[in-house]
Amino acid sequence: MSYYRYQNNSGYHMRPRLLRGAIREIIIANAVIFLIMILFGLQRSFSVYFGLVPRLIWSKGFIWQLVTYMFIHGGFGHIFFNMFALWMFGMELENHWGKREFYRYYFITGIGSGLITFLFSWNSSIPVVGASGAIYAVLLAFGLMYPERPIYLYFLFPIKAKYLVLIMGALTFFFALSPGGSAISHLTHLGGLVIGFVYLRRHRLLRELNLNIRWPRIKLRNPFRNFIRRVPKDEEQQKDEFRERYDTDQTMREEVDRILDKINQKGYDSLSEEEKRTLYLASRYFAEKEKN
């Protein structure tokens, strides 16, 4: 069990919480399904038909299990700690991203971790249940976005979010490689971390891959090049095209952070013309947004 605090000018205070939006809807859906399982004694049948059973996905076509397994839990402790972690770390992310983006991240990482579990244990008949894959991805996103935020394990031991993510990732990787049936669930946790990291860093990864790939260039002579004048783009058109390159403001901030890190390490003169232009347009965009 963990909680975290933030610091302002008057000292440390508990981060205020509200149960609303996607977080509330996910918790209610999990709680209702869990109560139905308990009240009608359907734990086993729900685990088999709606949990993630890799063998049944390819042999029986139970493809829906890649989604439904996230809403099935094995006991009160299982669902309580999953939903508690979702509430504690997820509210901050939803407040920052918005409801739609949080839903997208939650289900992409949850389904993705289930798919990784299926691919690496495709012949297993052991049901995998719980939202832990998506919960680990939520914890990863929190650690990446708020790395210096103190988290108190069991309300006693302070640790920064970035270190907690590293420790949990290392432990999950170790247990996933360990022999035994329990390794399957740890594989789901590891899958959530991997899918979450790839999703959050997808633009940077694609950009770096593109820089490392040398595409063949074919030069074609234009016989009319002397008769065609390139009309310079006005600033408004440049800003519009620049904004369309980024899905969210967070993605744009990540690119600005990368450029600023490069300035700190090598100086402003080390920037390319494109990086200088990106820094200028991003500063104009955020300045105008603050005015509005």
Protein backbone atom coordinates (compact mmCIF):
# COMPACT_ATOMS: atom_id res chain seq x y z
CA MET A 1 0.00 0.00 0.00
CA SER A 2 1.35 3.42 -0.90
CA TYR A 3 0.44 7.05 -1.01
CA TYR A 4 2.27 10.14 -2.16
CA ARG A 5 2.48 13.79 -1.20
CA TYR A 6 3.31 16.97 -3.01
CA GLN A 7 5.20 20.01 -1.76
CA ASN A 8 4.16 23.63 -2.03
CA ASN A 9 5.40 26.77 -0.31
CA SER A 10 3.88 25.79 3.00
CA GLY A 11 5.27 22.26 3.10
CA TYR A 12 4.03 18.77 2.27
CA HIS A 13 0.34 18.00 1.93
CA MET A 14 -1.69 15.07 0.80
CA ARG A 15 -2.68 15.36 -2.86
CA PRO A 16 -6.47 15.99 -2.95
CA ARG A 17 -8.46 13.25 -4.61
CA LEU A 18 -11.81 13.08 -6.32
CA LEU A 19 -13.43 9.89 -7.57
CA ARG A 20 -14.76 10.87 -10.97
CA GLY A 21 -14.42 10.38 -14.71
CA ALA A 22 -12.82 7.26 -16.16
CA ILE A 23 -11.38 6.20 -12.80
CA ARG A 24 -14.81 6.09 -11.17
CA GLU A 25 -16.36 4.21 -14.07
CA ILE A 26 -13.60 1.60 -14.15
CA ILE A 27 -13.76 1.05 -10.39
CA ILE A 28 -17.56 0.74 -10.43
CA ALA A 29 -17.47 -1.76 -13.31
CA ASN A 30 -14.87 -3.92 -11.52
CA ALA A 31 -16.74 -3.74 -8.22
CA VAL A 32 -20.10 -4.72 -9.77
CA ILE A 33 -18.60 -7.71 -11.59
CA PHE A 34 -16.78 -8.82 -8.43
CA LEU A 35 -20.00 -8.65 -6.38
CA ILE A 36 -21.88 -10.68 -9.00
CA MET A 37 -19.17 -13.34 -8.88
CA ILE A 38 -19.25 -13.52 -5.08
CA LEU A 39 -23.03 -13.38 -4.59
CA PHE A 40 -23.81 -16.04 -7.21
CA GLY A 41 -20.72 -18.21 -6.72
CA LEU A 42 -19.47 -17.67 -10.27
CA GLN A 43 -15.76 -17.24 -9.53
CA ARG A 44 -14.63 -20.34 -11.39
CA SER A 45 -16.90 -19.99 -14.43
CA PHE A 46 -16.08 -16.27 -14.80
CA SER A 47 -12.36 -17.02 -14.56
CA VAL A 48 -12.59 -19.65 -17.30
CA TYR A 49 -14.88 -17.80 -19.72
CA PHE A 50 -13.89 -14.19 -19.05
CA GLY A 51 -10.40 -14.51 -17.61
CA LEU A 52 -7.42 -14.81 -19.93
CA VAL A 53 -6.88 -18.49 -20.79
CA PRO A 54 -4.33 -18.55 -23.65
CA ARG A 55 -5.26 -22.04 -24.88
CA LEU A 56 -8.95 -21.15 -25.16
CA ILE A 57 -8.23 -18.02 -27.21
CA TRP A 58 -6.80 -19.95 -30.15
CA SER A 59 -8.60 -23.29 -29.66
CA LYS A 60 -12.10 -21.97 -28.87
CA GLY A 61 -11.89 -18.47 -30.30
CA PHE A 62 -12.44 -16.71 -26.95
CA ILE A 63 -10.88 -13.52 -28.28
CA TRP A 64 -12.95 -11.33 -25.93
CA GLN A 65 -10.83 -12.57 -23.04
CA LEU A 66 -8.09 -10.10 -24.02
CA VAL A 67 -10.45 -7.39 -22.75
CA THR A 68 -12.66 -9.04 -20.14
CA TYR A 69 -9.81 -10.49 -18.07
CA MET A 70 -9.10 -6.94 -16.85
CA PHE A 71 -12.44 -6.93 -14.98
CA ILE A 72 -12.11 -10.32 -13.25
CA HIS A 73 -10.33 -10.55 -9.89
CA GLY A 74 -9.44 -13.49 -7.72
CA GLY A 75 -10.31 -12.09 -4.31
CA PHE A 76 -11.03 -9.01 -2.26
CA GLY A 77 -7.37 -8.21 -1.69
CA HIS A 78 -6.66 -8.51 -5.41
CA ILE A 79 -9.38 -6.10 -6.50
CA PHE A 80 -8.86 -3.72 -3.56
CA PHE A 81 -5.17 -3.09 -4.15
CA ASN A 82 -5.61 -2.87 -7.92
CA MET A 83 -8.40 -0.31 -7.63
CA PHE A 84 -6.61 1.55 -4.85
CA ALA A 85 -3.50 1.92 -7.04
CA LEU A 86 -5.66 2.94 -10.00
CA TRP A 87 -7.33 5.65 -7.91
CA MET A 88 -4.12 6.87 -6.27
CA PHE A 89 -1.97 7.15 -9.41
CA GLY A 90 -4.60 7.27 -12.14
CA MET A 91 -6.45 10.39 -10.97
CA GLU A 92 -3.36 12.53 -11.50
CA LEU A 93 -2.93 11.17 -15.01
CA GLU A 94 -6.59 11.60 -15.95
CA ASN A 95 -6.55 15.18 -14.67
CA HIS A 96 -3.56 15.84 -16.92
CA TRP A 97 -4.59 13.84 -20.02
CA GLY A 98 -8.35 14.00 -19.90
CA LYS A 99 -10.87 11.17 -19.76
CA ARG A 100 -10.59 10.01 -23.37
CA GLU A 101 -6.80 9.81 -23.42
CA PHE A 102 -6.74 8.00 -20.09
CA TYR A 103 -9.25 5.42 -21.35
CA ARG A 104 -7.13 4.95 -24.48
CA TYR A 105 -3.95 4.40 -22.46
CA TYR A 106 -5.65 2.09 -19.95
CA PHE A 107 -7.17 -0.25 -22.51
CA ILE A 108 -4.21 -0.23 -24.93
CA THR A 109 -1.86 -1.26 -22.14
CA GLY A 110 -4.31 -3.72 -20.62
CA ILE A 111 -5.10 -5.43 -23.92
CA GLY A 112 -1.46 -5.23 -24.97
CA SER A 113 -0.24 -6.92 -21.79
CA GLY A 114 -2.87 -9.62 -22.29
CA LEU A 115 -1.68 -10.13 -25.86
CA ILE A 116 1.93 -10.49 -24.69
CA THR A 117 0.78 -13.05 -22.11
CA PHE A 118 -1.04 -14.98 -24.83
CA LEU A 119 1.92 -14.95 -27.23
CA PHE A 120 4.44 -16.16 -24.64
CA SER A 121 2.20 -18.74 -22.95
CA TRP A 122 -0.14 -19.66 -25.78
CA ASN A 123 -0.57 -23.28 -24.64
CA SER A 124 -1.35 -22.51 -20.99
CA SER A 125 -4.70 -23.43 -19.45
CA ILE A 126 -4.17 -21.30 -16.32
CA PRO A 127 -6.59 -18.35 -16.17
CA VAL A 128 -4.96 -14.95 -15.79
CA VAL A 129 -7.27 -12.40 -14.17
CA GLY A 130 -7.05 -8.83 -12.97
CA ALA A 131 -6.21 -5.36 -14.22
CA SER A 132 -2.62 -5.54 -12.98
CA GLY A 133 -1.12 -5.15 -16.47
CA ALA A 134 -2.88 -1.83 -16.98
CA ILE A 135 -2.22 -0.82 -13.35
CA TYR A 136 1.53 -1.34 -13.82
CA ALA A 137 1.33 0.80 -16.95
CA VAL A 138 -0.45 3.53 -14.96
CA LEU A 139 2.30 3.40 -12.33
CA LEU A 140 4.93 3.64 -15.08
CA ALA A 141 3.25 6.71 -16.58
CA PHE A 142 3.09 8.35 -13.16
CA GLY A 143 6.77 7.65 -12.56
CA LEU A 144 7.76 9.10 -15.93
CA MET A 145 5.61 12.21 -15.60
CA TYR A 146 6.28 12.90 -11.91
CA PRO A 147 9.66 11.24 -11.24
CA GLU A 148 10.50 13.29 -8.14
CA ARG A 149 7.12 12.83 -6.43
CA PRO A 150 7.59 11.10 -3.04
CA ILE A 151 5.58 7.92 -2.51
CA TYR A 152 5.22 6.42 0.95
CA LEU A 153 5.23 2.63 0.93
CA TYR A 154 2.91 1.29 3.62
CA PHE A 155 2.57 4.92 4.75
CA LEU A 156 6.05 4.74 6.30
CA PHE A 157 8.92 4.48 3.81
CA PRO A 158 9.44 7.41 1.41
CA ILE A 159 10.70 6.67 -2.08
CA LYS A 160 10.66 8.76 -5.24
CA ALA A 161 8.29 7.64 -7.97
CA LYS A 162 11.07 7.04 -10.51
CA TYR A 163 12.88 4.64 -8.16
CA LEU A 164 9.69 2.79 -7.28
CA VAL A 165 9.02 2.19 -10.99
CA LEU A 166 12.57 0.92 -11.53
CA ILE A 167 12.36 -1.43 -8.54
CA MET A 168 8.95 -2.83 -9.52
CA GLY A 169 10.07 -3.23 -13.12
CA ALA A 170 13.21 -5.12 -12.09
CA LEU A 171 11.28 -7.38 -9.71
CA THR A 172 8.61 -8.06 -12.33
CA PHE A 173 11.26 -8.93 -14.92
CA PHE A 174 12.97 -11.29 -12.44
CA PHE A 175 9.74 -13.08 -11.47
CA ALA A 176 8.65 -13.33 -15.11
CA LEU A 177 11.83 -15.29 -15.88
CA SER A 178 11.43 -17.53 -12.83
CA PRO A 179 10.06 -21.06 -13.37
CA GLY A 180 6.59 -21.92 -12.17
CA GLY A 181 2.97 -21.10 -12.95
CA SER A 182 3.09 -17.73 -11.18
CA ALA A 183 5.48 -16.47 -13.86
CA ILE A 184 2.51 -16.06 -16.21
CA SER A 185 0.92 -13.28 -14.16
CA HIS A 186 4.29 -11.55 -13.78
CA LEU A 187 4.60 -11.72 -17.54
CA THR A 188 1.33 -9.77 -17.72
CA HIS A 189 2.76 -7.14 -15.38
CA LEU A 190 5.91 -6.89 -17.45
CA GLY A 191 3.81 -6.62 -20.59
CA GLY A 192 1.95 -3.66 -19.10
CA LEU A 193 5.25 -1.90 -18.39
CA VAL A 194 6.58 -2.57 -21.90
CA ILE A 195 3.41 -1.54 -23.73
CA GLY A 196 3.05 1.54 -21.53
CA PHE A 197 6.62 2.65 -22.19
CA VAL A 198 6.32 2.15 -25.94
CA TYR A 199 3.01 4.05 -26.02
CA LEU A 200 4.31 6.99 -23.98
CA ARG A 201 7.54 7.23 -25.97
CA ARG A 202 6.15 6.23 -29.35
CA HIS A 203 6.83 9.56 -31.07
CA ARG A 204 10.38 9.77 -29.75
CA LEU A 205 11.09 6.15 -30.66
CA LEU A 206 9.78 6.61 -34.18
CA ARG A 207 11.78 9.79 -34.55
CA GLU A 208 14.98 8.11 -33.39
CA LEU A 209 14.39 5.11 -35.64
CA ASN A 210 13.79 7.41 -38.57
CA LEU A 211 17.04 9.24 -37.86
CA ASN A 212 18.95 5.98 -37.74
CA ILE A 213 17.56 4.71 -41.04
CA ARG A 214 19.19 6.08 -44.14
CA TRP A 215 16.60 6.04 -46.86
CA PRO A 216 17.88 6.06 -50.44
CA ARG A 217 17.52 9.44 -52.06
CA ILE A 218 16.78 9.75 -55.75
CA LYS A 219 17.51 13.14 -57.23
CA LEU A 220 15.46 14.09 -60.24
CA ARG A 221 16.39 17.11 -62.25
CA ASN A 222 13.59 19.56 -62.70
CA PRO A 223 13.87 21.25 -66.08
CA PHE A 224 11.57 24.02 -64.88
CA ARG A 225 13.46 24.76 -61.63
CA ASN A 226 14.55 28.17 -62.89
CA PHE A 227 10.96 29.17 -63.60
CA ILE A 228 9.46 28.09 -60.28
CA ARG A 229 9.82 30.30 -57.25
CA ARG A 230 9.26 28.88 -53.79
CA VAL A 231 6.79 31.03 -51.93
CA PRO A 232 7.81 31.33 -48.26
CA LYS A 233 5.22 30.19 -45.75
CA ASP A 234 3.81 32.79 -43.40
CA GLU A 235 4.18 32.30 -39.66
CA GLU A 236 0.57 31.29 -39.06
CA GLN A 237 0.83 28.48 -41.59
CA GLN A 238 4.08 27.33 -40.01
CA LYS A 239 2.45 27.22 -36.57
CA ASP A 240 -0.52 25.25 -37.86
CA GLU A 241 1.69 22.69 -39.56
CA PHE A 242 3.89 22.50 -36.48
CA ARG A 243 0.93 21.81 -34.16
CA GLU A 244 -0.41 19.04 -36.42
CA ARG A 245 2.84 17.11 -35.91
CA TYR A 246 1.96 16.38 -32.27
CA ASP A 247 -0.98 14.41 -30.92
CA THR A 248 -0.96 16.06 -27.49
CA ASP A 249 0.71 18.92 -25.65
CA GLN A 250 2.62 16.33 -23.63
CA THR A 251 4.26 15.03 -26.79
CA MET A 252 5.31 18.55 -27.71
CA ARG A 253 6.72 19.11 -24.23
CA GLU A 254 8.78 15.93 -24.51
CA GLU A 255 10.36 17.24 -27.72
CA VAL A 256 11.07 20.61 -26.10
CA ASP A 257 12.64 18.86 -23.09
CA ARG A 258 14.89 16.88 -25.40
CA ILE A 259 16.05 20.06 -27.14
CA LEU A 260 16.65 21.81 -23.81
CA ASP A 261 18.69 18.84 -22.59
CA LYS A 262 20.80 19.10 -25.71
CA ILE A 263 21.35 22.81 -25.05
CA ASN A 264 22.46 22.07 -21.49
CA GLN A 265 24.93 19.47 -22.69
CA LYS A 266 26.32 20.99 -25.89
CA GLY A 267 25.11 24.59 -26.05
CA TYR A 268 22.62 26.40 -28.25
CA ASP A 269 24.91 26.37 -31.28
CA SER A 270 24.72 22.57 -31.40
CA LEU A 271 21.04 22.71 -32.41
CA SER A 272 20.01 22.14 -35.98
CA GLU A 273 17.90 24.69 -37.80
CA GLU A 274 14.88 22.43 -37.42
CA GLU A 275 15.41 22.13 -33.65
CA LYS A 276 15.76 25.92 -33.31
CA ARG A 277 12.56 26.38 -35.30
CA THR A 278 10.77 23.77 -33.13
CA LEU A 279 11.86 25.52 -29.94
CA TYR A 280 10.68 28.89 -31.25
CA LEU A 281 7.28 27.67 -32.45
CA ALA A 282 6.67 25.65 -29.27
CA SER A 283 7.41 28.69 -27.09
CA ARG A 284 4.98 30.77 -29.17
CA TYR A 285 2.30 28.05 -28.95
CA PHE A 286 2.44 27.68 -25.16
CA ALA A 287 2.64 31.46 -24.64
CA GLU A 288 -0.52 31.98 -26.70
CA LYS A 289 -2.25 29.10 -24.92
CA GLU A 290 -1.57 30.63 -21.51
CA LYS A 291 -3.06 33.94 -22.65
CA ASN A 292 -6.24 32.18 -23.74
